[in-house]
Structures are given as C-alpha cells and as structure tokens.
Amino acid sequence: PSNDTNTTVALALPTSVAYFYLGLSKKGLGYFVKYIQPTLILLPINILEDFTKPLSLSFRLFGNILADKLGVVVFISLVSSVVPIPVMFLGLFTSGIQALIFATLDAAYIGESREGHH
C-alpha cells in the first residue's frame, strides 16, 4: 500500500467497476430493480450506497496508512532515531494487514453484487 491517496483511489475504482459488471452480467437489467426495492423513495440512498463503497475503501486504507506514518514521525520526534526503526518494521507488517483487509472488503463487495444481497 501507498500513503498516496491517488494510489488508494486507483485500487478502489476497480472494485466499483467489478461490482456493477458482475451484477449486470448475472442479472442483466434486472440488477437495477434492487435500487427501487422496497420503495422508490430509497432510490437515491441505494445509488449513493453503491457508489460510496469504493470511496470508503480508499479512505479507510489511506487513513490507516497515514496514521501509521504519523505514529513513526511522533516516535522519531520524541526519541532518538534508533528506537523507531523496529516501529517502521511494525509499520510494514500493519500495512500488509491493511492490504489484506482492503482485499477482503473488496471481495465482499463484489461477492454481494453477484449474490444479490443488499
């Protein structure tokens, strides 16, 4: 993962494309029926929900990575530069965990599109 927000957005956009593609390929135009169920009044909320999923993924990944970087900066400013080195390795480990969480949520969103749960 990168601490650049453009990278995290670029990682999240294929989620949105795959979400709609798989939903349309499985159900055809009947896929859009879920937007008006149980009532037409929920149409804007349902559309907003589907388009904010990749944005949520992007901000979650970026925020967690940025928090890790800020933690290291605070450690470096408080103590000598020898102590934060293990913290940097811990940051690599936590970044890997964040990438795993991102991929898991990504797969869950795409799987939701295929299964038809909403």
C-alpha atoms as a PDB file:
ATOM      1  CA  PRO A   1       0.000   0.000   0.000  1.00  0.00           C
ATOM      2  CA  SER A   2       0.989   3.559  -0.582  1.00  0.00           C
ATOM      3  CA  ASN A   3       0.451   6.664   1.500  1.00  0.00           C
ATOM      4  CA  ASP A   4      -0.658   8.484  -1.653  1.00  0.00           C
ATOM      5  CA  THR A   5      -4.428   8.966  -1.849  1.00  0.00           C
ATOM      6  CA  ASN A   6      -4.382   8.666  -5.647  1.00  0.00           C
ATOM      7  CA  THR A   7      -2.983   5.143  -5.351  1.00  0.00           C
ATOM      8  CA  THR A   8      -5.657   4.077  -2.897  1.00  0.00           C
ATOM      9  CA  VAL A   9      -8.379   5.545  -5.134  1.00  0.00           C
ATOM     10  CA  ALA A  10      -6.887   3.705  -8.109  1.00  0.00           C
ATOM     11  CA  LEU A  11      -7.031   0.484  -6.080  1.00  0.00           C
ATOM     12  CA  ALA A  12     -10.673   1.115  -5.100  1.00  0.00           C
ATOM     13  CA  LEU A  13     -12.059   2.054  -8.530  1.00  0.00           C
ATOM     14  CA  PRO A  14     -11.777  -1.461  -9.998  1.00  0.00           C
ATOM     15  CA  THR A  15     -13.992  -2.568  -7.106  1.00  0.00           C
ATOM     16  CA  SER A  16     -16.760  -0.319  -8.365  1.00  0.00           C
ATOM     17  CA  VAL A  17     -16.329  -1.475 -11.952  1.00  0.00           C
ATOM     18  CA  ALA A  18     -16.311  -5.145 -10.960  1.00  0.00           C
ATOM     19  CA  TYR A  19     -19.289  -4.631  -8.629  1.00  0.00           C
ATOM     20  CA  PHE A  20     -21.514  -3.300 -11.396  1.00  0.00           C
ATOM     21  CA  TYR A  21     -20.123  -5.562 -14.125  1.00  0.00           C
ATOM     22  CA  LEU A  22     -20.709  -8.763 -12.179  1.00  0.00           C
ATOM     23  CA  GLY A  23     -24.149  -7.655 -11.051  1.00  0.00           C
ATOM     24  CA  LEU A  24     -25.179  -6.792 -14.615  1.00  0.00           C
ATOM     25  CA  SER A  25     -23.658  -9.938 -16.111  1.00  0.00           C
ATOM     26  CA  LYS A  26     -25.504 -12.165 -13.652  1.00  0.00           C
ATOM     27  CA  LYS A  27     -28.922 -10.448 -13.613  1.00  0.00           C
ATOM     28  CA  GLY A  28     -28.955  -8.250 -16.696  1.00  0.00           C
ATOM     29  CA  LEU A  29     -31.036  -5.097 -16.419  1.00  0.00           C
ATOM     30  CA  GLY A  30     -32.956  -6.731 -13.569  1.00  0.00           C
ATOM     31  CA  TYR A  31     -29.940  -5.795 -11.462  1.00  0.00           C
ATOM     32  CA  PHE A  32     -31.274  -2.247 -11.187  1.00  0.00           C
ATOM     33  CA  VAL A  33     -34.516  -3.451  -9.573  1.00  0.00           C
ATOM     34  CA  LYS A  34     -32.675  -3.564  -6.245  1.00  0.00           C
ATOM     35  CA  TYR A  35     -32.434   0.221  -6.308  1.00  0.00           C
ATOM     36  CA  ILE A  36     -36.192   0.690  -6.102  1.00  0.00           C
ATOM     37  CA  GLN A  37     -36.929  -2.087  -3.619  1.00  0.00           C
ATOM     38  CA  PRO A  38     -38.754  -1.959  -1.223  1.00  0.00           C
ATOM     39  CA  THR A  39     -39.884   1.519  -2.324  1.00  0.00           C
ATOM     40  CA  LEU A  40     -38.926   4.078  -4.967  1.00  0.00           C
ATOM     41  CA  ILE A  41     -38.186   6.646  -2.264  1.00  0.00           C
ATOM     42  CA  LEU A  42     -34.997   4.748  -1.393  1.00  0.00           C
ATOM     43  CA  LEU A  43     -33.571   5.114  -4.927  1.00  0.00           C
ATOM     44  CA  PRO A  44     -31.118   7.960  -4.120  1.00  0.00           C
ATOM     45  CA  ILE A  45     -29.946   6.266  -0.926  1.00  0.00           C
ATOM     46  CA  ASN A  46     -29.353   2.931  -2.667  1.00  0.00           C
ATOM     47  CA  ILE A  47     -27.415   4.587  -5.501  1.00  0.00           C
ATOM     48  CA  LEU A  48     -25.350   6.595  -3.027  1.00  0.00           C
ATOM     49  CA  GLU A  49     -24.596   3.446  -1.033  1.00  0.00           C
ATOM     50  CA  ASP A  50     -23.218   1.609  -4.066  1.00  0.00           C
ATOM     51  CA  PHE A  51     -21.045   4.489  -5.201  1.00  0.00           C
ATOM     52  CA  THR A  52     -19.604   5.195  -1.758  1.00  0.00           C
ATOM     53  CA  LYS A  53     -18.306   1.653  -1.188  1.00  0.00           C
ATOM     54  CA  PRO A  54     -15.092   2.143  -3.197  1.00  0.00           C
ATOM     55  CA  LEU A  55     -14.646   5.615  -1.721  1.00  0.00           C
ATOM     56  CA  SER A  56     -14.978   4.137   1.756  1.00  0.00           C
ATOM     57  CA  LEU A  57     -12.366   1.509   0.916  1.00  0.00           C
ATOM     58  CA  SER A  58      -9.990   4.150  -0.372  1.00  0.00           C
ATOM     59  CA  PHE A  59     -10.305   6.435   2.647  1.00  0.00           C
ATOM     60  CA  ARG A  60     -10.047   3.532   5.082  1.00  0.00           C
ATOM     61  CA  LEU A  61      -6.813   2.315   3.504  1.00  0.00           C
ATOM     62  CA  PHE A  62      -5.341   5.813   3.175  1.00  0.00           C
ATOM     63  CA  GLY A  63      -6.284   6.792   6.730  1.00  0.00           C
ATOM     64  CA  ASN A  64      -4.759   3.704   8.287  1.00  0.00           C
ATOM     65  CA  ILE A  65      -1.536   4.068   6.334  1.00  0.00           C
ATOM     66  CA  LEU A  66      -1.312   7.762   7.169  1.00  0.00           C
ATOM     67  CA  ALA A  67      -1.913   7.039  10.862  1.00  0.00           C
ATOM     68  CA  ASP A  68       0.979   4.581  10.817  1.00  0.00           C
ATOM     69  CA  LYS A  69       3.279   7.166   9.225  1.00  0.00           C
ATOM     70  CA  LEU A  70       2.264   9.797  11.774  1.00  0.00           C
ATOM     71  CA  GLY A  71       2.969   7.359  14.604  1.00  0.00           C
ATOM     72  CA  VAL A  72       6.512   6.852  13.347  1.00  0.00           C
ATOM     73  CA  VAL A  73       7.036  10.615  12.986  1.00  0.00           C
ATOM     74  CA  VAL A  74       5.920  11.183  16.575  1.00  0.00           C
ATOM     75  CA  PHE A  75       8.265   8.450  17.815  1.00  0.00           C
ATOM     76  CA  ILE A  76      11.181   9.947  15.891  1.00  0.00           C
ATOM     77  CA  SER A  77      10.482  13.404  17.292  1.00  0.00           C
ATOM     78  CA  LEU A  78      10.274  12.109  20.879  1.00  0.00           C
ATOM     79  CA  VAL A  79      13.179   9.666  20.989  1.00  0.00           C
ATOM     80  CA  SER A  80      16.377   9.018  19.120  1.00  0.00           C
ATOM     81  CA  SER A  81      16.228   7.518  15.645  1.00  0.00           C
ATOM     82  CA  VAL A  82      17.380   4.062  16.878  1.00  0.00           C
ATOM     83  CA  VAL A  83      14.117   3.249  18.670  1.00  0.00           C
ATOM     84  CA  PRO A  84      11.712   3.970  15.754  1.00  0.00           C
ATOM     85  CA  ILE A  85      13.410   1.506  13.405  1.00  0.00           C
ATOM     86  CA  PRO A  86      11.545  -1.517  14.873  1.00  0.00           C
ATOM     87  CA  VAL A  87       8.378   0.582  14.712  1.00  0.00           C
ATOM     88  CA  MET A  88       8.973   1.054  10.985  1.00  0.00           C
ATOM     89  CA  PHE A  89       9.143  -2.711  10.542  1.00  0.00           C
ATOM     90  CA  LEU A  90       5.951  -2.987  12.541  1.00  0.00           C
ATOM     91  CA  GLY A  91       4.501  -0.431  10.112  1.00  0.00           C
ATOM     92  CA  LEU A  92       5.341  -2.700   7.196  1.00  0.00           C
ATOM     93  CA  PHE A  93       3.518  -5.524   8.944  1.00  0.00           C
ATOM     94  CA  THR A  94       0.455  -3.382   9.666  1.00  0.00           C
ATOM     95  CA  SER A  95       0.449  -2.114   6.078  1.00  0.00           C
ATOM     96  CA  GLY A  96       0.274  -5.712   4.932  1.00  0.00           C
ATOM     97  CA  ILE A  97      -2.654  -6.285   7.258  1.00  0.00           C
ATOM     98  CA  GLN A  98      -4.383  -3.211   5.829  1.00  0.00           C
ATOM     99  CA  ALA A  99      -3.874  -4.528   2.316  1.00  0.00           C
ATOM    100  CA  LEU A 100      -5.429  -7.829   3.399  1.00  0.00           C
ATOM    101  CA  ILE A 101      -8.422  -6.011   4.929  1.00  0.00           C
ATOM    102  CA  PHE A 102      -8.781  -3.959   1.747  1.00  0.00           C
ATOM    103  CA  ALA A 103      -8.753  -7.072  -0.430  1.00  0.00           C
ATOM    104  CA  THR A 104     -11.219  -8.867   1.864  1.00  0.00           C
ATOM    105  CA  LEU A 105     -13.689  -5.979   1.815  1.00  0.00           C
ATOM    106  CA  ASP A 106     -13.195  -5.656  -1.917  1.00  0.00           C
ATOM    107  CA  ALA A 107     -14.089  -9.316  -2.411  1.00  0.00           C
ATOM    108  CA  ALA A 108     -17.059  -8.997  -0.065  1.00  0.00           C
ATOM    109  CA  TYR A 109     -18.484  -6.057  -2.012  1.00  0.00           C
ATOM    110  CA  ILE A 110     -18.041  -7.816  -5.330  1.00  0.00           C
ATOM    111  CA  GLY A 111     -19.493 -11.031  -3.903  1.00  0.00           C
ATOM    112  CA  GLU A 112     -22.510  -9.070  -2.659  1.00  0.00           C
ATOM    113  CA  SER A 113     -23.125  -7.881  -6.206  1.00  0.00           C
ATOM    114  CA  ARG A 114     -23.052 -11.437  -7.517  1.00  0.00           C
ATOM    115  CA  GLU A 115     -25.250 -12.935  -4.830  1.00  0.00           C
ATOM    116  CA  GLY A 116     -27.888 -10.234  -4.917  1.00  0.00           C
ATOM    117  CA  HIS A 117     -27.859  -9.421  -1.189  1.00  0.00           C
ATOM    118  CA  HIS A 118     -28.335  -5.784  -0.419  1.00  0.00           C
END
